[in-house]
């Protein structure tokens, strides 16, 4: 199963990054940086919420919605063409609100400090990316016949840092400390290191360089 960074590194990922950077009017490399750090955090927030029966049911319901069945990924040209429509942006805000709750400002602020991008632009990037992420999750859920609380948390874990349970638990712990605390962005370094399998900052730069052939 492809993880979230596999998606960003793919040809589809380059189309996603290009479309979101145009929508947010931000450079593609900075947009890629925000996505590579922000999407795992968003998935970690969903995984945290899915620990409760109610939270898991809510996420499963959202992923069963036809809006999030993965068909969006087959028509990215239409999604970005002429600008992302208001319905998709409203959907994105709703997804962020459900996933991050009261931690939203903290997460956006930390990503802003780490990326050097203003908070409004970070928020815009996450807002546009959220429906794409749910579409990706919905597609994986359907293909793997995930229909249980344990199944959805396992799916999210496998799509994050990935391989061993120990790595997944460590990354999830870091993300939850960011969600629950008032952090200055230092945890973002640790999360990026876990996701990229490289604790050095060059790991993130290397991944982004790879995305654009640098």
C-alpha atoms as a PDB file:
ATOM      1  CA  UNK A   1       0.000   0.000   0.000  1.00  0.00           C
ATOM      2  CA  UNK A   2       1.284   3.448  -0.908  1.00  0.00           C
ATOM      3  CA  UNK A   3       1.958   5.871   1.924  1.00  0.00           C
ATOM      4  CA  UNK A   4       1.261   9.579   1.829  1.00  0.00           C
ATOM      5  CA  UNK A   5       4.825  10.464   0.758  1.00  0.00           C
ATOM      6  CA  UNK A   6       4.618   7.908  -2.038  1.00  0.00           C
ATOM      7  CA  UNK A   7       1.620   9.856  -3.269  1.00  0.00           C
ATOM      8  CA  UNK A   8       3.446  13.193  -3.071  1.00  0.00           C
ATOM      9  CA  UNK A   9       6.449  11.732  -4.901  1.00  0.00           C
ATOM     10  CA  UNK A  10       4.329  10.335  -7.732  1.00  0.00           C
ATOM     11  CA  UNK A  11       3.312  12.052 -10.964  1.00  0.00           C
ATOM     12  CA  UNK A  12      -0.119  12.557  -9.406  1.00  0.00           C
ATOM     13  CA  UNK A  13       1.579  14.131  -6.400  1.00  0.00           C
ATOM     14  CA  UNK A  14       3.379  16.636  -8.607  1.00  0.00           C
ATOM     15  CA  UNK A  15       0.027  17.552 -10.154  1.00  0.00           C
ATOM     16  CA  UNK A  16      -1.482  17.958  -6.671  1.00  0.00           C
ATOM     17  CA  UNK A  17       1.405  20.125  -5.455  1.00  0.00           C
ATOM     18  CA  UNK A  18       1.312  22.262  -8.594  1.00  0.00           C
ATOM     19  CA  UNK A  19      -2.453  22.749  -8.348  1.00  0.00           C
ATOM     20  CA  UNK A  20      -2.387  23.626  -4.653  1.00  0.00           C
ATOM     21  CA  UNK A  21       0.586  25.990  -5.051  1.00  0.00           C
ATOM     22  CA  UNK A  22      -1.253  27.829  -7.828  1.00  0.00           C
ATOM     23  CA  UNK A  23      -4.403  28.016  -5.704  1.00  0.00           C
ATOM     24  CA  UNK A  24      -2.496  29.347  -2.679  1.00  0.00           C
ATOM     25  CA  UNK A  25      -0.209  31.522  -4.848  1.00  0.00           C
ATOM     26  CA  UNK A  26       2.857  30.034  -3.117  1.00  0.00           C
ATOM     27  CA  UNK A  27       6.052  28.486  -4.551  1.00  0.00           C
ATOM     28  CA  UNK A  28       5.775  24.774  -5.357  1.00  0.00           C
ATOM     29  CA  UNK A  29       8.717  23.803  -3.132  1.00  0.00           C
ATOM     30  CA  UNK A  30       7.257  25.562  -0.091  1.00  0.00           C
ATOM     31  CA  UNK A  31       3.849  24.055  -0.820  1.00  0.00           C
ATOM     32  CA  UNK A  32       5.460  20.593  -0.979  1.00  0.00           C
ATOM     33  CA  UNK A  33       7.156  21.269   2.354  1.00  0.00           C
ATOM     34  CA  UNK A  34       3.868  22.198   4.049  1.00  0.00           C
ATOM     35  CA  UNK A  35       2.105  19.158   2.573  1.00  0.00           C
ATOM     36  CA  UNK A  36       4.863  16.701   3.517  1.00  0.00           C
ATOM     37  CA  UNK A  37       4.665  17.846   7.139  1.00  0.00           C
ATOM     38  CA  UNK A  38       0.982  18.749   7.344  1.00  0.00           C
ATOM     39  CA  UNK A  39      -0.682  15.691   5.795  1.00  0.00           C
ATOM     40  CA  UNK A  40       0.856  13.179   8.260  1.00  0.00           C
ATOM     41  CA  UNK A  41      -0.224  15.469  11.117  1.00  0.00           C
ATOM     42  CA  UNK A  42      -3.749  15.589   9.700  1.00  0.00           C
ATOM     43  CA  UNK A  43      -3.813  11.795   9.445  1.00  0.00           C
ATOM     44  CA  UNK A  44      -2.437  11.511  12.973  1.00  0.00           C
ATOM     45  CA  UNK A  45      -5.281  13.726  14.195  1.00  0.00           C
ATOM     46  CA  UNK A  46      -7.789  11.476  12.397  1.00  0.00           C
ATOM     47  CA  UNK A  47      -6.158   8.413  13.943  1.00  0.00           C
ATOM     48  CA  UNK A  48      -6.389   9.977  17.389  1.00  0.00           C
ATOM     49  CA  UNK A  49     -10.080  10.731  16.871  1.00  0.00           C
ATOM     50  CA  UNK A  50     -10.693   7.202  15.580  1.00  0.00           C
ATOM     51  CA  UNK A  51      -9.571   5.766  18.923  1.00  0.00           C
ATOM     52  CA  UNK A  52     -13.110   6.454  20.112  1.00  0.00           C
ATOM     53  CA  UNK A  53     -16.002   4.476  18.689  1.00  0.00           C
ATOM     54  CA  UNK A  54     -17.858   7.672  17.821  1.00  0.00           C
ATOM     55  CA  UNK A  55     -14.808   9.199  16.131  1.00  0.00           C
ATOM     56  CA  UNK A  56     -14.158   6.059  14.100  1.00  0.00           C
ATOM     57  CA  UNK A  57     -17.793   5.900  13.010  1.00  0.00           C
ATOM     58  CA  UNK A  58     -17.683   9.547  11.928  1.00  0.00           C
ATOM     59  CA  UNK A  59     -14.550   9.022   9.859  1.00  0.00           C
ATOM     60  CA  UNK A  60     -15.872   5.805   8.298  1.00  0.00           C
ATOM     61  CA  UNK A  61     -19.064   7.650   7.362  1.00  0.00           C
ATOM     62  CA  UNK A  62     -17.115  10.510   5.781  1.00  0.00           C
ATOM     63  CA  UNK A  63     -14.975   8.081   3.785  1.00  0.00           C
ATOM     64  CA  UNK A  64     -18.097   6.295   2.542  1.00  0.00           C
ATOM     65  CA  UNK A  65     -19.457   9.556   1.121  1.00  0.00           C
ATOM     66  CA  UNK A  66     -19.343   9.695  -2.667  1.00  0.00           C
ATOM     67  CA  UNK A  67     -17.356  12.948  -2.391  1.00  0.00           C
ATOM     68  CA  UNK A  68     -14.502  11.017  -0.792  1.00  0.00           C
ATOM     69  CA  UNK A  69     -14.545   7.768  -2.778  1.00  0.00           C
ATOM     70  CA  UNK A  70     -11.344   8.585  -4.655  1.00  0.00           C
ATOM     71  CA  UNK A  71     -12.972   9.712  -7.896  1.00  0.00           C
ATOM     72  CA  UNK A  72     -11.564  13.204  -7.304  1.00  0.00           C
ATOM     73  CA  UNK A  73      -8.081  11.732  -7.863  1.00  0.00           C
ATOM     74  CA  UNK A  74      -9.133  10.686 -11.361  1.00  0.00           C
ATOM     75  CA  UNK A  75     -10.150  14.238 -12.275  1.00  0.00           C
ATOM     76  CA  UNK A  76      -7.557  16.529 -10.713  1.00  0.00           C
ATOM     77  CA  UNK A  77      -7.571  18.660 -13.853  1.00  0.00           C
ATOM     78  CA  UNK A  78     -11.251  19.371 -13.261  1.00  0.00           C
ATOM     79  CA  UNK A  79     -10.722  19.901  -9.525  1.00  0.00           C
ATOM     80  CA  UNK A  80      -8.037  22.564 -10.059  1.00  0.00           C
ATOM     81  CA  UNK A  81      -9.194  23.881 -13.431  1.00  0.00           C
ATOM     82  CA  UNK A  82     -10.370  27.470 -13.180  1.00  0.00           C
ATOM     83  CA  UNK A  83      -9.673  27.456  -9.441  1.00  0.00           C
ATOM     84  CA  UNK A  84     -10.948  25.132  -6.715  1.00  0.00           C
ATOM     85  CA  UNK A  85     -14.690  25.620  -6.268  1.00  0.00           C
ATOM     86  CA  UNK A  86     -16.237  26.949  -3.069  1.00  0.00           C
ATOM     87  CA  UNK A  87     -17.978  23.657  -2.228  1.00  0.00           C
ATOM     88  CA  UNK A  88     -14.621  21.879  -2.124  1.00  0.00           C
ATOM     89  CA  UNK A  89     -13.118  24.634   0.024  1.00  0.00           C
ATOM     90  CA  UNK A  90     -16.044  24.445   2.454  1.00  0.00           C
ATOM     91  CA  UNK A  91     -15.625  20.663   2.527  1.00  0.00           C
ATOM     92  CA  UNK A  92     -11.933  21.154   3.283  1.00  0.00           C
ATOM     93  CA  UNK A  93     -12.665  23.509   6.168  1.00  0.00           C
ATOM     94  CA  UNK A  94     -15.121  20.993   7.593  1.00  0.00           C
ATOM     95  CA  UNK A  95     -12.577  18.179   7.375  1.00  0.00           C
ATOM     96  CA  UNK A  96      -9.925  20.288   9.120  1.00  0.00           C
ATOM     97  CA  UNK A  97     -12.397  21.312  11.809  1.00  0.00           C
ATOM     98  CA  UNK A  98     -13.411  17.715  12.521  1.00  0.00           C
ATOM     99  CA  UNK A  99      -9.846  16.398  12.468  1.00  0.00           C
ATOM    100  CA  UNK A 100      -7.977  19.148  14.316  1.00  0.00           C
ATOM    101  CA  UNK A 101     -10.686  20.731  16.452  1.00  0.00           C
ATOM    102  CA  UNK A 102      -9.229  23.194  18.928  1.00  0.00           C
ATOM    103  CA  UNK A 103      -5.704  22.284  17.835  1.00  0.00           C
ATOM    104  CA  UNK A 104      -6.124  23.835  14.392  1.00  0.00           C
ATOM    105  CA  UNK A 105      -4.478  27.176  15.158  1.00  0.00           C
ATOM    106  CA  UNK A 106      -1.608  25.429  16.949  1.00  0.00           C
ATOM    107  CA  UNK A 107      -0.912  23.135  14.001  1.00  0.00           C
ATOM    108  CA  UNK A 108      -1.191  25.925  11.418  1.00  0.00           C
ATOM    109  CA  UNK A 109       1.056  28.170  13.514  1.00  0.00           C
ATOM    110  CA  UNK A 110       3.704  25.467  13.909  1.00  0.00           C
ATOM    111  CA  UNK A 111       3.680  24.714  10.173  1.00  0.00           C
ATOM    112  CA  UNK A 112       3.895  28.432   9.424  1.00  0.00           C
ATOM    113  CA  UNK A 113       6.984  28.855  11.598  1.00  0.00           C
ATOM    114  CA  UNK A 114       8.663  25.780  10.179  1.00  0.00           C
ATOM    115  CA  UNK A 115       7.938  26.562   6.521  1.00  0.00           C
ATOM    116  CA  UNK A 116       8.390  30.334   6.668  1.00  0.00           C
ATOM    117  CA  UNK A 117       4.965  30.763   5.081  1.00  0.00           C
ATOM    118  CA  UNK A 118       2.229  32.982   6.507  1.00  0.00           C
ATOM    119  CA  UNK A 119      -0.546  31.255   8.441  1.00  0.00           C
ATOM    120  CA  UNK A 120      -3.286  32.202   5.972  1.00  0.00           C
ATOM    121  CA  UNK A 121      -1.422  30.505   3.119  1.00  0.00           C
ATOM    122  CA  UNK A 122      -0.730  27.396   5.224  1.00  0.00           C
ATOM    123  CA  UNK A 123      -4.423  27.225   6.060  1.00  0.00           C
ATOM    124  CA  UNK A 124      -5.353  27.591   2.396  1.00  0.00           C
ATOM    125  CA  UNK A 125      -2.993  24.757   1.422  1.00  0.00           C
ATOM    126  CA  UNK A 126      -4.428  22.420   4.070  1.00  0.00           C
ATOM    127  CA  UNK A 127      -7.993  23.413   3.167  1.00  0.00           C
ATOM    128  CA  UNK A 128      -7.500  22.457  -0.494  1.00  0.00           C
ATOM    129  CA  UNK A 129      -5.469  19.339   0.364  1.00  0.00           C
ATOM    130  CA  UNK A 130      -7.992  17.950   2.872  1.00  0.00           C
ATOM    131  CA  UNK A 131     -10.619  16.737   0.343  1.00  0.00           C
ATOM    132  CA  UNK A 132      -7.818  15.180  -1.746  1.00  0.00           C
ATOM    133  CA  UNK A 133      -6.487  13.379   1.328  1.00  0.00           C
ATOM    134  CA  UNK A 134      -9.931  12.064   2.235  1.00  0.00           C
ATOM    135  CA  UNK A 135     -10.403  10.917  -1.343  1.00  0.00           C
ATOM    136  CA  UNK A 136      -7.113   9.029  -1.128  1.00  0.00           C
ATOM    137  CA  UNK A 137      -8.103   7.483   2.203  1.00  0.00           C
ATOM    138  CA  UNK A 138     -11.555   6.622   0.873  1.00  0.00           C
ATOM    139  CA  UNK A 139     -10.050   4.872  -2.133  1.00  0.00           C
ATOM    140  CA  UNK A 140      -7.674   2.837   0.056  1.00  0.00           C
ATOM    141  CA  UNK A 141     -10.513   1.996   2.460  1.00  0.00           C
ATOM    142  CA  UNK A 142     -12.617   0.668  -0.384  1.00  0.00           C
ATOM    143  CA  UNK A 143      -9.804  -1.288  -2.028  1.00  0.00           C
ATOM    144  CA  UNK A 144      -8.843  -2.942   1.255  1.00  0.00           C
ATOM    145  CA  UNK A 145     -12.420  -3.511   2.456  1.00  0.00           C
ATOM    146  CA  UNK A 146     -11.814  -1.659   5.717  1.00  0.00           C
ATOM    147  CA  UNK A 147     -15.015  -1.739   7.766  1.00  0.00           C
ATOM    148  CA  UNK A 148     -13.962  -1.593  11.422  1.00  0.00           C
ATOM    149  CA  UNK A 149     -12.513   0.806  13.983  1.00  0.00           C
ATOM    150  CA  UNK A 150      -9.264  -1.174  14.221  1.00  0.00           C
ATOM    151  CA  UNK A 151      -9.089  -1.370  10.451  1.00  0.00           C
ATOM    152  CA  UNK A 152      -9.294   2.384   9.935  1.00  0.00           C
ATOM    153  CA  UNK A 153      -6.662   3.163  12.603  1.00  0.00           C
ATOM    154  CA  UNK A 154      -4.376   0.536  11.056  1.00  0.00           C
ATOM    155  CA  UNK A 155      -4.909   2.028   7.585  1.00  0.00           C
ATOM    156  CA  UNK A 156      -3.990   5.510   8.814  1.00  0.00           C
ATOM    157  CA  UNK A 157      -0.904   4.229  10.645  1.00  0.00           C
ATOM    158  CA  UNK A 158       0.354   2.347   7.617  1.00  0.00           C
ATOM    159  CA  UNK A 159      -0.048   5.411   5.423  1.00  0.00           C
ATOM    160  CA  UNK A 160       1.955   7.609   7.789  1.00  0.00           C
ATOM    161  CA  UNK A 161       5.527   6.728   8.782  1.00  0.00           C
ATOM    162  CA  UNK A 162       4.830   3.343   8.155  1.00  0.00           C
ATOM    163  CA  UNK A 163       6.724   0.239   8.557  1.00  0.00           C
ATOM    164  CA  UNK A 164       7.090  -1.002  12.106  1.00  0.00           C
ATOM    165  CA  UNK A 165       4.517  -0.626  14.853  1.00  0.00           C
ATOM    166  CA  UNK A 166       7.203   1.037  16.967  1.00  0.00           C
ATOM    167  CA  UNK A 167       7.724   3.725  14.317  1.00  0.00           C
ATOM    168  CA  UNK A 168       3.987   4.266  14.008  1.00  0.00           C
ATOM    169  CA  UNK A 169       3.565   4.588  17.780  1.00  0.00           C
ATOM    170  CA  UNK A 170       6.468   7.043  18.064  1.00  0.00           C
ATOM    171  CA  UNK A 171       5.172   9.227  15.250  1.00  0.00           C
ATOM    172  CA  UNK A 172       1.639   9.165  16.635  1.00  0.00           C
ATOM    173  CA  UNK A 173       2.937  10.186  20.069  1.00  0.00           C
ATOM    174  CA  UNK A 174       4.805  13.146  18.551  1.00  0.00           C
ATOM    175  CA  UNK A 175       1.760  14.260  16.593  1.00  0.00           C
ATOM    176  CA  UNK A 176      -0.540  13.999  19.591  1.00  0.00           C
ATOM    177  CA  UNK A 177       1.866  16.083  21.683  1.00  0.00           C
ATOM    178  CA  UNK A 178       1.674  18.756  18.970  1.00  0.00           C
ATOM    179  CA  UNK A 179      -2.126  18.544  18.906  1.00  0.00           C
ATOM    180  CA  UNK A 180      -2.415  18.735  22.684  1.00  0.00           C
ATOM    181  CA  UNK A 181       0.270  21.293  23.471  1.00  0.00           C
ATOM    182  CA  UNK A 182       1.353  24.808  22.635  1.00  0.00           C
ATOM    183  CA  UNK A 183       4.504  23.978  20.700  1.00  0.00           C
ATOM    184  CA  UNK A 184       6.761  26.289  18.763  1.00  0.00           C
ATOM    185  CA  UNK A 185       7.244  24.006  15.795  1.00  0.00           C
ATOM    186  CA  UNK A 186      10.193  21.993  17.073  1.00  0.00           C
ATOM    187  CA  UNK A 187       8.046  18.865  17.088  1.00  0.00           C
ATOM    188  CA  UNK A 188       7.471  19.430  13.365  1.00  0.00           C
ATOM    189  CA  UNK A 189      11.172  18.596  12.835  1.00  0.00           C
ATOM    190  CA  UNK A 190      10.696  15.308  14.650  1.00  0.00           C
ATOM    191  CA  UNK A 191       7.527  14.481  12.746  1.00  0.00           C
ATOM    192  CA  UNK A 192       9.210  15.288   9.423  1.00  0.00           C
ATOM    193  CA  UNK A 193      12.160  13.138  10.425  1.00  0.00           C
ATOM    194  CA  UNK A 194       9.896  10.201  11.260  1.00  0.00           C
ATOM    195  CA  UNK A 195       7.892  10.544   8.067  1.00  0.00           C
ATOM    196  CA  UNK A 196      10.938  10.807   5.850  1.00  0.00           C
ATOM    197  CA  UNK A 197      12.953   8.209   7.705  1.00  0.00           C
ATOM    198  CA  UNK A 198      15.645  10.797   8.277  1.00  0.00           C
ATOM    199  CA  UNK A 199      15.936  12.912  11.396  1.00  0.00           C
ATOM    200  CA  UNK A 200      18.067  15.558   9.686  1.00  0.00           C
ATOM    201  CA  UNK A 201      16.567  18.601   8.050  1.00  0.00           C
ATOM    202  CA  UNK A 202      18.289  17.633   4.814  1.00  0.00           C
ATOM    203  CA  UNK A 203      15.886  14.723   4.563  1.00  0.00           C
ATOM    204  CA  UNK A 204      12.974  17.054   3.945  1.00  0.00           C
ATOM    205  CA  UNK A 205      14.967  19.139   1.508  1.00  0.00           C
ATOM    206  CA  UNK A 206      16.088  16.019  -0.315  1.00  0.00           C
ATOM    207  CA  UNK A 207      12.540  14.783  -0.683  1.00  0.00           C
ATOM    208  CA  UNK A 208      11.358  18.138  -1.994  1.00  0.00           C
ATOM    209  CA  UNK A 209      14.342  18.329  -4.334  1.00  0.00           C
ATOM    210  CA  UNK A 210      13.400  14.902  -5.632  1.00  0.00           C
ATOM    211  CA  UNK A 211       9.871  16.062  -6.309  1.00  0.00           C
ATOM    212  CA  UNK A 212      11.104  18.738  -8.686  1.00  0.00           C
ATOM    213  CA  UNK A 213      14.123  17.006 -10.120  1.00  0.00           C
ATOM    214  CA  UNK A 214      16.601  19.183  -8.242  1.00  0.00           C
END
